[in-house]
Amino acid sequence: MNSRSSLHRRTAAALTAGAAALALAACGGSGSGSTGHDEHGATPSSASSAPASGPASQDRHNAADVAFAQGMIPHHRQAVQMADLAPSRAASPEVRKLAEDIKKAQDPEIRTLSEWLVSWGETVPVEGSADHSHHAGMEGMMSAEDMAALGKSSGKAFDTAFLEMMIRHHEGAVTMAKAERDRGAYPAATKMADAIAASQSAEIAEMKRLLARD
């Protein structure tokens, strides 16, 4: 009687332990699967969507940005061409220094503006003699005749012609820069426009001073 009771108790204990183990395993498996879904479902999707709007918003540009870049490239190119004449023709060291400063500032801007247009899938204005005739109506641009006359002058006559022409040229660039600042959307372009307006306004004041002195 005692041995049978003992056997029944051991059998019951074994069955109870087995059932508990099975229940624990089942519970653990479903809990693990549920937890994994929560951790690897919602979190990655929210993390991946968060930065998506950042670069896209930074790269936005509009028609005003394109017009600014496509207009300022030939405008700057002509200013550099005018500046290139100064070392061999200007009489005033101040005019030669001004021309050097203009070239140093505008050459890198031409490269940057061209890079923007390429990145936007837009056309970069072709460099060449056609720039003068095609863009003569642009703010402050000199005609082919103006450029030819400047190239034939030298000494004090060159200094006067250079300063008068470059003042008009700079005034046109400032007008273009202000339009970009008011209507552009590309942050780097509006920043460049601010810099152009400030630096060329200062150079206009300096050129007027040089003209008044003579």
Protein backbone atom coordinates (compact mmCIF):
# COMPACT_ATOMS: atom_id res chain seq x y z
CA MET A 1 0.00 0.00 0.00
CA ASN A 2 2.76 2.37 0.87
CA SER A 3 4.81 1.50 -2.24
CA ARG A 4 1.75 2.02 -4.50
CA SER A 5 1.05 5.44 -2.96
CA SER A 6 4.66 6.40 -3.42
CA LEU A 7 4.58 5.32 -7.08
CA HIS A 8 1.39 7.32 -7.70
CA ARG A 9 2.91 10.40 -6.11
CA ARG A 10 6.10 10.14 -8.23
CA THR A 11 4.09 9.63 -11.44
CA ALA A 12 1.83 12.58 -10.69
CA ALA A 13 4.82 14.80 -9.91
CA ALA A 14 6.53 13.82 -13.17
CA LEU A 15 3.38 14.54 -15.21
CA THR A 16 2.92 17.91 -13.50
CA ALA A 17 6.56 18.89 -14.12
CA GLY A 18 6.32 17.90 -17.78
CA ALA A 19 3.14 19.86 -18.30
CA ALA A 20 4.68 22.90 -16.66
CA ALA A 21 7.76 22.63 -18.88
CA LEU A 22 5.65 22.41 -22.02
CA ALA A 23 3.56 25.39 -20.97
CA LEU A 24 6.68 27.42 -20.20
CA ALA A 25 8.25 26.58 -23.55
CA ALA A 26 5.08 27.51 -25.42
CA CYS A 27 4.78 30.76 -23.54
CA GLY A 28 8.43 31.62 -24.08
CA GLY A 29 8.22 30.93 -27.81
CA SER A 30 5.21 33.13 -28.41
CA GLY A 31 6.61 35.88 -26.20
CA SER A 32 9.91 35.83 -28.02
CA GLY A 33 8.22 36.06 -31.41
CA SER A 34 5.96 38.87 -30.30
CA THR A 35 8.80 40.84 -28.77
CA GLY A 36 10.92 40.44 -31.90
CA HIS A 37 8.12 41.77 -34.10
CA ASP A 38 7.67 44.84 -31.92
CA GLU A 39 11.39 45.64 -31.83
CA HIS A 40 12.18 44.99 -35.46
CA GLY A 41 8.94 46.15 -37.08
CA ALA A 42 8.00 49.66 -36.03
CA THR A 43 11.40 50.95 -34.89
CA PRO A 44 13.38 50.47 -38.12
CA SER A 45 10.60 51.93 -40.27
CA SER A 46 10.39 55.06 -38.13
CA ALA A 47 14.18 55.36 -38.02
CA SER A 48 14.58 55.00 -41.78
CA SER A 49 11.83 57.48 -42.56
CA ALA A 50 13.16 60.19 -40.24
CA PRO A 51 16.26 61.28 -42.20
CA ALA A 52 14.65 60.88 -45.63
CA SER A 53 13.26 64.40 -45.70
CA GLY A 54 16.55 66.03 -44.64
CA PRO A 55 18.75 65.77 -47.76
CA ALA A 56 15.78 66.23 -50.08
CA SER A 57 14.83 69.54 -48.48
CA GLN A 58 18.45 70.74 -48.58
CA ASP A 59 18.72 70.03 -52.32
CA ARG A 60 15.62 71.94 -53.34
CA HIS A 61 16.09 74.67 -55.96
CA ASN A 62 13.73 76.66 -58.12
CA ALA A 63 13.64 78.50 -61.43
CA ALA A 64 15.14 81.64 -59.85
CA ASP A 65 18.21 79.63 -58.74
CA VAL A 66 18.68 78.25 -62.26
CA ALA A 67 18.29 81.71 -63.82
CA PHE A 68 20.79 83.14 -61.33
CA ALA A 69 23.42 80.51 -62.10
CA GLN A 70 22.92 80.57 -65.87
CA GLY A 71 23.01 84.38 -65.92
CA MET A 72 25.86 84.93 -63.48
CA ILE A 73 28.26 82.54 -65.25
CA PRO A 74 28.57 84.58 -68.49
CA HIS A 75 28.36 87.78 -66.45
CA HIS A 76 31.34 86.72 -64.34
CA ARG A 77 33.20 85.44 -67.39
CA GLN A 78 33.02 88.86 -69.01
CA ALA A 79 34.24 90.56 -65.83
CA VAL A 80 37.21 88.17 -65.77
CA GLN A 81 37.94 88.95 -69.44
CA MET A 82 37.94 92.65 -68.63
CA ALA A 83 40.19 92.05 -65.64
CA ASP A 84 42.62 90.05 -67.78
CA LEU A 85 43.30 93.19 -69.85
CA ALA A 86 44.45 95.26 -66.88
CA PRO A 87 47.95 93.87 -66.21
CA SER A 88 49.24 94.90 -69.64
CA ARG A 89 47.15 98.04 -70.20
CA ALA A 90 46.34 99.79 -66.90
CA ALA A 91 48.45 102.72 -65.77
CA SER A 92 47.23 102.72 -62.17
CA PRO A 93 48.51 100.09 -59.71
CA GLU A 94 45.16 100.39 -57.93
CA VAL A 95 43.28 99.49 -61.09
CA ARG A 96 45.57 96.49 -61.64
CA LYS A 97 45.02 95.38 -58.03
CA LEU A 98 41.25 95.79 -58.35
CA ALA A 99 41.26 93.70 -61.54
CA GLU A 100 43.28 90.99 -59.78
CA ASP A 101 40.82 90.91 -56.87
CA ILE A 102 37.86 90.66 -59.26
CA LYS A 103 39.40 87.69 -61.04
CA LYS A 104 40.28 85.91 -57.78
CA ALA A 105 36.73 86.27 -56.50
CA GLN A 106 34.80 85.43 -59.65
CA ASP A 107 36.76 82.51 -61.13
CA PRO A 108 35.87 80.17 -58.20
CA GLU A 109 32.24 81.36 -58.28
CA ILE A 110 32.01 80.43 -61.98
CA ARG A 111 33.15 76.89 -61.12
CA THR A 112 30.67 76.60 -58.24
CA LEU A 113 27.74 77.91 -60.29
CA SER A 114 28.61 75.44 -63.08
CA GLU A 115 28.72 72.54 -60.59
CA TRP A 116 25.26 73.47 -59.28
CA LEU A 117 23.79 73.49 -62.78
CA VAL A 118 25.29 70.08 -63.55
CA SER A 119 23.93 68.64 -60.29
CA TRP A 120 20.48 70.05 -61.12
CA GLY A 121 20.54 68.58 -64.62
CA GLU A 122 20.52 72.06 -66.18
CA THR A 123 22.55 73.49 -69.06
CA VAL A 124 25.84 75.26 -68.30
CA PRO A 125 26.30 78.30 -70.60
CA VAL A 126 28.96 77.58 -73.23
CA GLU A 127 32.04 79.75 -73.00
CA GLY A 128 33.03 81.62 -76.15
CA SER A 129 32.90 84.82 -78.11
CA ALA A 130 29.13 84.41 -78.56
CA ASP A 131 28.71 85.32 -74.90
CA HIS A 132 28.96 89.05 -75.67
CA SER A 133 26.30 89.24 -78.37
CA HIS A 134 23.94 86.68 -76.83
CA HIS A 135 24.00 88.21 -73.34
CA ALA A 136 24.42 91.89 -74.27
CA GLY A 137 20.91 92.67 -72.99
CA MET A 138 21.67 91.22 -69.55
CA GLU A 139 22.07 93.58 -66.58
CA GLY A 140 25.40 95.41 -66.91
CA MET A 141 26.81 93.31 -69.74
CA MET A 142 29.12 95.00 -72.26
CA SER A 143 28.60 94.60 -76.00
CA ALA A 144 31.24 93.13 -78.31
CA GLU A 145 32.00 96.71 -79.42
CA ASP A 146 32.52 97.81 -75.81
CA MET A 147 34.95 94.98 -75.21
CA ALA A 148 36.84 95.69 -78.43
CA ALA A 149 37.20 99.38 -77.52
CA LEU A 150 38.48 98.49 -74.05
CA GLY A 151 40.99 96.09 -75.54
CA LYS A 152 42.39 98.81 -77.81
CA SER A 153 42.89 101.35 -75.04
CA SER A 154 45.83 101.68 -72.70
CA GLY A 155 47.26 103.86 -69.93
CA LYS A 156 45.01 106.42 -68.27
CA ALA A 157 42.37 106.02 -71.00
CA PHE A 158 42.15 102.32 -70.19
CA ASP A 159 41.86 103.02 -66.45
CA THR A 160 38.95 105.41 -67.00
CA ALA A 161 37.14 103.11 -69.45
CA PHE A 162 37.74 100.05 -67.27
CA LEU A 163 36.39 101.72 -64.13
CA GLU A 164 33.32 103.15 -65.87
CA MET A 165 32.49 99.85 -67.56
CA MET A 166 33.14 97.76 -64.46
CA ILE A 167 30.93 100.00 -62.34
CA ARG A 168 28.02 99.35 -64.73
CA HIS A 169 28.94 95.68 -64.86
CA HIS A 170 29.00 95.38 -61.06
CA GLU A 171 25.72 97.27 -60.72
CA GLY A 172 24.14 94.68 -63.01
CA ALA A 173 25.57 91.84 -60.92
CA VAL A 174 24.21 93.41 -57.72
CA THR A 175 20.74 93.64 -59.29
CA MET A 176 20.92 89.96 -60.30
CA ALA A 177 22.16 88.96 -56.85
CA LYS A 178 19.33 90.81 -55.12
CA ALA A 179 16.78 89.06 -57.34
CA GLU A 180 18.25 85.68 -56.34
CA ARG A 181 18.27 86.66 -52.68
CA ASP A 182 14.58 87.60 -52.87
CA ARG A 183 13.29 84.72 -55.00
CA GLY A 184 15.79 81.85 -54.81
CA ALA A 185 15.28 78.68 -52.77
CA TYR A 186 18.72 77.02 -52.83
CA PRO A 187 20.50 78.07 -49.60
CA ALA A 188 24.03 78.04 -51.04
CA ALA A 189 22.91 80.15 -54.01
CA THR A 190 21.18 82.78 -51.88
CA LYS A 191 24.27 82.87 -49.65
CA MET A 192 26.50 83.47 -52.69
CA ALA A 193 24.09 86.18 -53.87
CA ASP A 194 24.47 87.94 -50.52
CA ALA A 195 28.26 87.80 -50.82
CA ILE A 196 28.20 89.10 -54.40
CA ALA A 197 25.91 92.00 -53.51
CA ALA A 198 28.10 93.00 -50.55
CA SER A 199 31.53 92.63 -52.19
CA GLN A 200 30.62 94.22 -55.51
CA SER A 201 28.82 97.12 -53.83
CA ALA A 202 32.04 97.81 -51.92
CA GLU A 203 34.06 97.62 -55.15
CA ILE A 204 31.65 100.03 -56.86
CA ALA A 205 32.30 102.55 -54.09
CA GLU A 206 36.06 102.06 -54.49
CA MET A 207 35.92 102.48 -58.29
CA LYS A 208 33.87 105.66 -57.97
CA ARG A 209 36.49 106.98 -55.57
CA LEU A 210 39.26 106.24 -58.08
CA LEU A 211 37.34 107.96 -60.87
CA ALA A 212 36.63 111.02 -58.73
CA ARG A 213 40.30 111.29 -57.82
CA ASP A 214 41.29 111.47 -61.48
